[in-house]
Amino acid sequence: MSDWTAIALLVVLLIGNAFFVAGEFAIMSTRRSQIEPLADSGNKRAKITLYAMEHVSLMLATCQLGITVCSLLILNVSEPALHHLVAGPLEHFGIPLAVADIVGFLLALVVVTYLHVIFGEMVPKNATVSLVGQGIALWIAPPLVFISRLLKPIVVALNWLADHTLRLMKIEPKSEVSSTFTLDELQNVVAESTAEGTVEDDSGVLSGALEFSEKKVEEIMVARDSIMTLKFPCTPADVEKAVAQTGFSRFVVEDSKDSTFMGYLHVKDVLSFSDERMHQTLPWSKLRQMSIVRPEADIDDALATMQRNRAHVSHVMTAQGESVGVLFLEDILEQLVGEIKDKTQEHVRRREAASVRAAGS
C-alpha cells in the first residue's frame, strides 16, 4: 500500500470513527417525545430512530465496535505511512537513520493522536450534542441500524457478554433510552427554560403545576377555628345575611348542639325560595355532603376525591376521627393557577382595609 493511499484510508477511518461517536451520542441524547410525533405521522427515518432508541444496548454495542475497529486501524494504517513520509526527508538531510526513525515515529504518533481525538472524537461529539434539538438522530440512526443488522451476530454476542457481566455486578441492563423525568428534573427544566427565555411562565402556572403534588392538605386547608359556619337549623335569610357579611358563596353548616359538621350550603341553594319561605327552616336534605380527606393526604389525591364525589368542600379529619378543618376546591385551584380574584369579596376587602385605616388613625 502506497503512503498516499494510507493517508486517504486514514481520512476514511476518521470519518467512520466520527460517525460511530456521533451515533452513540445521538441515540443517548435524543428524547422520544421529539421523535414519536414524526413517527406517528409516517416519517420513515423517525420510525427507524425509534427502533434504535428501543434497542439502545445493541446500538451502543455497534458504535463501540465501530469505534474500536476504526481506532485500531487508524494507528496501524497511518503510522507507517506518516513515519515514512517524515523519516525519508530527514535521512535525505543527513540525519542518522536511528534518529530519523525515532523522530518520524513521534511525529506520526502526535499527528495521528491529534487527528483522532479532535476530528474523530471531540468534533462529532460536540456537534451531535449541539444538534440534538434539530433532529440529527434522524440522519444518523438509519445507517447505524443498517450496520447493526449487517454485524448482528457479532453485535448480539458482544451485547450478551456485556449484559451478563453487568448482572454479575448486580446491575440490571437497560435496552431502551429513558424518556421520563422525575419531578425535580421537570422543575429544573422549567426553571432553566424560563431563565433562558425559551418558556414563558409569568403567571407561574407551570411552576405551580409542578409543585402541586408536593403540597399536603394540611398546608392549604382552613383550620376549624377559622371557618365561617352556619348553625343548623338555619333559614334562607340566614344564608343571605352571611353572604352579605362575608362575600363568600359556600358555608359549612354545623349542628347547633354538638358543633358537628353536617354538610355545606351554596348561595344558589336558597335563590329559588319565595319571600314567604325566607324565614322557614331549611330541610336537612338541602345540605350538600362533604367528602372526607386526611390532613396528610396529597392535594392532588384530595382533588381526585372531590371530583369523584362532585363536592366543592371537603371535611378534613384525622385517622382518629378528629375534625381539624375544611378544604375548599378554590384553595386547591389557587395552588395550581395562583390567587383567584373573586369580585363578590371585593367589598369585604375594602371594608377590612377601611377598618385598618380607621384603627391606625
Protein backbone atom coordinates (compact mmCIF):
# COMPACT_ATOMS: atom_id res chain seq x y z
CA MET A 1 0.00 0.00 0.00
CA SER A 2 1.41 3.38 -1.01
CA ASP A 3 1.84 6.14 1.55
CA TRP A 4 -0.82 8.36 -0.04
CA THR A 5 -3.29 5.50 -0.19
CA ALA A 6 -2.72 5.01 3.51
CA ILE A 7 -3.34 8.73 4.12
CA ALA A 8 -6.61 8.53 2.15
CA LEU A 9 -7.60 5.49 4.21
CA LEU A 10 -6.79 7.50 7.35
CA VAL A 11 -9.34 10.12 6.30
CA VAL A 12 -11.96 7.42 5.67
CA LEU A 13 -11.30 5.82 9.06
CA LEU A 14 -11.54 9.20 10.81
CA ILE A 15 -14.93 9.77 9.17
CA GLY A 16 -16.05 6.29 10.24
CA ASN A 17 -14.88 6.87 13.82
CA ALA A 18 -16.67 10.24 13.88
CA PHE A 19 -19.87 8.61 12.62
CA PHE A 20 -19.93 5.99 15.38
CA VAL A 21 -19.15 8.59 18.06
CA ALA A 22 -21.97 10.79 16.73
CA GLY A 23 -24.32 7.80 16.64
CA GLU A 24 -23.60 6.96 20.27
CA PHE A 25 -24.36 10.49 21.48
CA ALA A 26 -27.33 10.96 19.16
CA ILE A 27 -29.12 7.84 20.40
CA MET A 28 -28.46 8.64 24.06
CA SER A 29 -29.31 12.36 23.89
CA THR A 30 -32.48 12.34 21.77
CA ARG A 31 -35.86 12.23 23.56
CA ARG A 32 -38.73 10.03 22.43
CA SER A 33 -41.09 13.00 22.73
CA GLN A 34 -39.15 14.63 19.90
CA ILE A 35 -39.28 11.61 17.58
CA GLU A 36 -42.65 9.98 18.30
CA PRO A 37 -44.84 12.66 16.66
CA LEU A 38 -42.82 12.33 13.44
CA ALA A 39 -43.06 8.55 13.56
CA ASP A 40 -46.83 8.74 14.11
CA SER A 41 -47.11 10.95 11.03
CA GLY A 42 -45.42 8.27 8.91
CA ASN A 43 -41.83 9.56 8.76
CA LYS A 44 -39.67 6.51 7.93
CA ARG A 45 -36.49 7.97 9.41
CA ALA A 46 -38.33 8.67 12.67
CA LYS A 47 -39.62 5.08 12.84
CA ILE A 48 -36.09 3.73 12.40
CA THR A 49 -34.79 6.18 15.00
CA LEU A 50 -37.43 4.97 17.46
CA TYR A 51 -36.30 1.40 16.79
CA ALA A 52 -32.73 2.42 17.59
CA MET A 53 -33.83 4.10 20.82
CA GLU A 54 -35.79 0.99 21.83
CA HIS A 55 -32.70 -1.19 21.22
CA VAL A 56 -30.13 1.16 22.68
CA SER A 57 -27.84 -1.56 24.02
CA LEU A 58 -27.47 -3.07 20.53
CA MET A 59 -26.86 0.36 19.02
CA LEU A 60 -24.21 1.17 21.62
CA ALA A 61 -22.54 -2.20 21.03
CA THR A 62 -22.42 -1.40 17.29
CA CYS A 63 -20.96 2.05 17.97
CA GLN A 64 -18.33 0.72 20.37
CA LEU A 65 -17.35 -2.00 17.94
CA GLY A 66 -17.05 0.54 15.13
CA ILE A 67 -15.05 2.99 17.25
CA THR A 68 -12.66 0.27 18.42
CA VAL A 69 -12.04 -1.12 14.93
CA CYS A 70 -11.56 2.35 13.41
CA SER A 71 -9.22 3.45 16.21
CA LEU A 72 -7.01 0.38 15.84
CA LEU A 73 -6.86 0.65 12.05
CA ILE A 74 -6.10 4.38 12.16
CA LEU A 75 -2.85 3.76 14.04
CA ASN A 76 -1.86 0.59 12.16
CA VAL A 77 -2.54 2.04 8.70
CA SER A 78 -1.45 5.63 9.09
CA GLU A 79 1.59 5.37 11.38
CA PRO A 80 3.87 3.55 8.87
CA ALA A 81 2.89 5.95 6.07
CA LEU A 82 3.42 9.11 8.15
CA HIS A 83 6.58 7.63 9.62
CA HIS A 84 7.99 7.02 6.13
CA LEU A 85 6.94 10.45 4.87
CA VAL A 86 8.75 12.12 7.77
CA ALA A 87 11.78 9.84 8.22
CA GLY A 88 12.69 9.81 4.50
CA PRO A 89 13.31 13.58 4.15
CA LEU A 90 15.20 13.61 7.47
CA GLU A 91 17.60 10.92 6.18
CA HIS A 92 17.99 12.92 2.97
CA PHE A 93 19.31 15.85 5.04
CA GLY A 94 21.94 13.63 6.66
CA ILE A 95 20.24 12.84 9.94
CA PRO A 96 21.22 9.35 11.21
CA LEU A 97 18.72 6.59 10.45
CA ALA A 98 18.09 5.73 14.11
CA VAL A 99 17.33 9.38 14.98
CA ALA A 100 15.16 9.82 11.87
CA ASP A 101 13.14 6.72 12.82
CA ILE A 102 12.51 7.99 16.35
CA VAL A 103 11.58 11.49 15.18
CA GLY A 104 9.34 10.09 12.44
CA PHE A 105 7.57 7.77 14.87
CA LEU A 106 6.98 10.54 17.43
CA LEU A 107 5.69 12.99 14.81
CA ALA A 108 3.42 10.33 13.30
CA LEU A 109 2.08 9.46 16.77
CA VAL A 110 1.39 13.12 17.60
CA VAL A 111 -0.34 13.81 14.27
CA VAL A 112 -2.49 10.65 14.38
CA THR A 113 -3.44 11.23 18.02
CA TYR A 114 -4.38 14.85 17.30
CA LEU A 115 -6.50 13.93 14.28
CA HIS A 116 -8.14 11.05 16.11
CA VAL A 117 -9.01 12.98 19.28
CA ILE A 118 -10.11 16.21 17.59
CA PHE A 119 -11.81 15.08 14.38
CA GLY A 120 -12.64 11.51 15.33
CA GLU A 121 -13.98 12.15 18.85
CA MET A 122 -14.48 15.71 20.10
CA VAL A 123 -15.84 17.42 16.99
CA PRO A 124 -18.55 14.82 16.27
CA LYS A 125 -19.47 14.59 19.96
CA ASN A 126 -19.86 18.35 20.40
CA ALA A 127 -21.63 18.76 17.07
CA THR A 128 -24.12 16.00 17.87
CA VAL A 129 -24.94 17.37 21.33
CA SER A 130 -25.47 20.82 19.79
CA LEU A 131 -27.72 19.50 17.01
CA VAL A 132 -29.84 17.04 19.00
CA GLY A 133 -32.70 19.52 19.15
CA GLN A 134 -32.64 19.81 15.35
CA GLY A 135 -33.16 16.08 14.87
CA ILE A 136 -29.68 14.94 13.88
CA ALA A 137 -30.58 11.45 15.11
CA LEU A 138 -33.00 11.14 12.18
CA TRP A 139 -29.99 11.15 9.83
CA ILE A 140 -27.58 9.10 11.92
CA ALA A 141 -29.90 6.33 13.19
CA PRO A 142 -30.92 4.76 9.79
CA PRO A 143 -27.35 3.93 8.63
CA LEU A 144 -26.43 2.88 12.17
CA VAL A 145 -29.36 0.44 12.30
CA PHE A 146 -28.35 -0.87 8.86
CA ILE A 147 -24.77 -1.52 10.06
CA SER A 148 -26.03 -3.17 13.27
CA ARG A 149 -28.10 -5.59 11.19
CA LEU A 150 -25.12 -6.41 8.97
CA LEU A 151 -23.00 -7.13 12.04
CA LYS A 152 -25.85 -8.65 14.06
CA PRO A 153 -24.14 -11.94 15.09
CA ILE A 154 -21.07 -10.12 16.42
CA VAL A 155 -23.05 -7.29 18.00
CA VAL A 156 -25.54 -9.63 19.71
CA ALA A 157 -22.71 -11.76 21.09
CA LEU A 158 -20.84 -8.74 22.46
CA ASN A 159 -24.04 -7.29 23.92
CA TRP A 160 -24.88 -10.63 25.58
CA LEU A 161 -21.46 -10.75 27.22
CA ALA A 162 -21.78 -7.14 28.39
CA ASP A 163 -25.28 -7.69 29.83
CA HIS A 164 -24.26 -10.79 31.76
CA THR A 165 -21.18 -9.02 33.09
CA LEU A 166 -23.44 -6.25 34.39
CA ARG A 167 -25.77 -8.77 36.02
CA LEU A 168 -22.80 -10.34 37.80
CA MET A 169 -22.17 -6.84 39.19
CA LYS A 170 -25.83 -6.66 40.37
CA ILE A 171 -26.67 -4.05 37.72
CA GLU A 172 -29.77 -4.57 35.56
CA PRO A 173 -29.01 -3.57 31.94
CA LYS A 174 -31.46 -1.36 30.06
CA SER A 175 -32.39 -1.86 26.43
CA GLU A 176 -34.23 1.44 25.93
CA VAL A 177 -33.33 5.09 26.37
CA SER A 178 -35.02 6.59 29.41
CA SER A 179 -37.59 9.22 28.34
CA THR A 180 -39.05 10.10 31.70
CA PHE A 181 -38.26 12.87 34.16
CA THR A 182 -38.54 12.98 37.90
CA LEU A 183 -40.47 15.86 39.46
CA ASP A 184 -37.22 17.57 40.49
CA GLU A 185 -35.86 17.21 36.95
CA LEU A 186 -39.02 18.76 35.48
CA GLN A 187 -38.82 21.66 37.91
CA ASN A 188 -35.20 22.26 36.88
CA VAL A 189 -36.14 22.10 33.19
CA VAL A 190 -38.89 24.70 33.67
CA ALA A 191 -36.62 26.93 35.78
CA GLU A 192 -33.77 26.82 33.24
CA SER A 193 -36.09 27.27 30.25
CA THR A 194 -37.76 30.24 31.91
CA ALA A 195 -34.41 31.81 32.77
CA GLU A 196 -33.18 31.40 29.19
CA GLY A 197 -36.41 32.83 27.75
CA THR A 198 -37.44 29.71 25.83
CA VAL A 199 -40.51 29.25 28.06
CA GLU A 200 -42.73 32.00 29.43
CA ASP A 201 -44.27 31.36 32.83
CA ASP A 202 -45.06 34.85 34.09
CA SER A 203 -48.27 33.66 35.71
CA GLY A 204 -46.49 30.78 37.45
CA VAL A 205 -48.90 28.16 36.09
CA LEU A 206 -46.14 25.74 35.04
CA SER A 207 -44.13 26.01 38.23
CA GLY A 208 -47.34 25.86 40.26
CA ALA A 209 -48.44 22.69 38.49
CA LEU A 210 -45.10 21.00 39.21
CA GLU A 211 -45.18 21.99 42.87
CA PHE A 212 -48.85 20.97 43.08
CA SER A 213 -48.30 17.34 44.04
CA GLU A 214 -45.78 18.25 46.75
CA LYS A 215 -48.40 20.03 48.86
CA LYS A 216 -50.38 18.36 51.64
CA VAL A 217 -53.99 19.04 52.58
CA GLU A 218 -52.97 20.38 55.99
CA GLU A 219 -50.88 23.09 54.30
CA ILE A 220 -53.78 24.72 52.47
CA MET A 221 -56.88 23.78 54.46
CA VAL A 222 -58.82 26.29 56.54
CA ALA A 223 -58.44 25.42 60.22
CA ARG A 224 -61.63 24.63 62.07
CA ASP A 225 -61.47 27.68 64.35
CA SER A 226 -61.13 29.97 61.30
CA ILE A 227 -64.19 28.74 59.41
CA MET A 228 -67.27 30.91 58.96
CA THR A 229 -70.11 28.46 59.67
CA LEU A 230 -73.90 28.47 59.84
CA LYS A 231 -75.73 26.82 62.74
CA PHE A 232 -78.35 24.20 61.90
CA PRO A 233 -81.27 24.68 61.82
CA CYS A 234 -80.95 27.79 59.66
CA THR A 235 -83.10 29.68 57.17
CA PRO A 236 -82.56 31.06 53.65
CA ALA A 237 -82.45 34.51 55.27
CA ASP A 238 -79.53 33.37 57.42
CA VAL A 239 -77.66 32.28 54.32
CA GLU A 240 -78.30 35.58 52.53
CA LYS A 241 -77.18 37.51 55.59
CA ALA A 242 -73.92 35.51 55.76
CA VAL A 243 -73.29 36.13 52.07
CA ALA A 244 -73.82 39.87 52.53
CA GLN A 245 -71.46 39.99 55.51
CA THR A 246 -68.62 37.88 54.15
CA GLY A 247 -68.92 37.78 50.36
CA PHE A 248 -68.47 34.01 50.47
CA SER A 249 -70.68 31.71 48.40
CA ARG A 250 -70.31 28.47 50.35
CA PHE A 251 -70.85 27.92 54.06
CA VAL A 252 -70.21 24.91 56.23
CA VAL A 253 -73.26 24.02 58.32
CA GLU A 254 -72.69 22.66 61.83
CA ASP A 255 -75.09 21.21 64.37
CA SER A 256 -76.00 23.82 66.95
CA LYS A 257 -75.97 21.15 69.68
CA ASP A 258 -72.56 19.48 69.32
CA SER A 259 -70.88 21.57 66.53
CA THR A 260 -70.65 18.54 64.23
CA PHE A 261 -70.19 19.44 60.57
CA MET A 262 -73.34 18.30 58.77
CA GLY A 263 -72.58 19.50 55.23
CA TYR A 264 -72.45 22.78 53.38
CA LEU A 265 -74.74 25.20 51.56
CA HIS A 266 -74.18 27.22 48.40
CA VAL A 267 -75.84 30.60 47.98
CA LYS A 268 -77.71 29.38 44.90
CA ASP A 269 -79.40 26.74 47.07
CA VAL A 270 -81.63 29.48 48.54
CA LEU A 271 -82.17 31.69 45.49
CA SER A 272 -85.36 29.87 44.48
CA PHE A 273 -87.14 30.47 47.79
CA SER A 274 -90.04 32.91 47.80
CA ASP A 275 -90.24 35.78 50.27
CA GLU A 276 -92.76 33.84 52.34
CA ARG A 277 -90.30 30.96 52.84
CA MET A 278 -87.15 33.03 53.52
CA HIS A 279 -87.58 32.61 57.29
CA GLN A 280 -88.61 29.00 57.25
CA THR A 281 -86.08 26.43 58.43
CA LEU A 282 -84.17 24.72 55.63
CA PRO A 283 -84.74 20.97 55.45
CA TRP A 284 -81.78 18.73 56.22
CA SER A 285 -81.98 17.32 52.65
CA LYS A 286 -80.91 20.70 51.28
CA LEU A 287 -77.42 20.30 52.73
CA ARG A 288 -74.70 19.22 50.35
CA GLN A 289 -72.47 16.39 51.51
CA MET A 290 -68.77 17.00 52.10
CA SER A 291 -66.15 14.43 51.13
CA ILE A 292 -63.69 13.28 53.81
CA VAL A 293 -59.92 13.76 53.37
CA ARG A 294 -56.94 13.25 55.64
CA PRO A 295 -54.70 16.20 56.59
CA GLU A 296 -51.58 14.28 55.48
CA ALA A 297 -53.02 13.46 52.03
CA ASP A 298 -51.53 15.00 48.86
CA ILE A 299 -53.75 17.70 47.44
CA ASP A 300 -53.90 16.01 44.06
CA ASP A 301 -55.38 12.96 45.81
CA ALA A 302 -57.81 15.24 47.65
CA LEU A 303 -58.79 16.82 44.34
CA ALA A 304 -59.46 13.38 42.86
CA THR A 305 -61.67 12.54 45.86
CA MET A 306 -63.64 15.76 45.47
CA GLN A 307 -64.09 15.10 41.75
CA ARG A 308 -65.44 11.61 42.38
CA ASN A 309 -67.89 12.92 44.97
CA ARG A 310 -68.69 16.06 42.99
CA ALA A 311 -68.03 18.12 46.12
CA HIS A 312 -66.51 21.60 46.28
CA VAL A 313 -65.84 21.30 50.01
CA SER A 314 -64.12 18.53 51.97
CA HIS A 315 -64.12 17.85 55.68
CA VAL A 316 -60.54 17.31 56.90
CA MET A 317 -60.44 14.63 59.57
CA THR A 318 -57.60 12.71 61.17
CA ALA A 319 -57.45 8.91 61.22
CA GLN A 320 -58.76 9.10 64.79
CA GLY A 321 -61.89 10.94 63.62
CA GLU A 322 -60.88 14.39 64.90
CA SER A 323 -62.20 17.30 62.84
CA VAL A 324 -59.33 19.69 62.07
CA GLY A 325 -60.59 21.86 59.23
CA VAL A 326 -62.15 22.24 55.82
CA LEU A 327 -60.63 22.13 52.35
CA PHE A 328 -62.21 24.25 49.62
CA LEU A 329 -61.86 23.47 45.93
CA GLU A 330 -60.90 27.11 45.31
CA ASP A 331 -57.88 26.74 47.60
CA ILE A 332 -56.68 23.74 45.60
CA LEU A 333 -57.10 25.57 42.28
CA GLU A 334 -55.19 28.56 43.62
CA GLN A 335 -52.21 26.28 44.21
CA LEU A 336 -52.32 25.46 40.51
CA VAL A 337 -53.12 28.79 38.85
CA GLY A 338 -52.41 31.37 41.54
CA GLU A 339 -54.76 33.56 43.54
CA ILE A 340 -58.29 33.77 42.17
CA LYS A 341 -59.70 37.27 42.50
CA ASP A 342 -63.36 36.94 43.47
CA LYS A 343 -65.41 40.04 42.68
CA THR A 344 -68.02 39.02 45.26
CA GLN A 345 -65.46 39.52 48.01
CA GLU A 346 -64.19 42.90 46.83
CA HIS A 347 -66.48 44.83 49.20
CA VAL A 348 -65.22 42.72 52.10
CA ARG A 349 -61.62 43.59 51.29
CA ARG A 350 -62.48 47.29 51.02
CA ARG A 351 -64.25 47.16 54.36
CA GLU A 352 -61.29 45.42 56.02
CA ALA A 353 -58.89 47.98 54.54
CA ALA A 354 -61.09 50.84 55.81
CA SER A 355 -61.13 49.29 59.28
CA VAL A 356 -57.33 49.08 59.31
CA ARG A 357 -57.02 52.75 58.28
CA ALA A 358 -59.54 53.79 60.94
CA ALA A 359 -57.66 51.85 63.60
CA GLY A 360 -54.39 53.46 62.54
CA SER A 361 -55.79 56.97 62.76
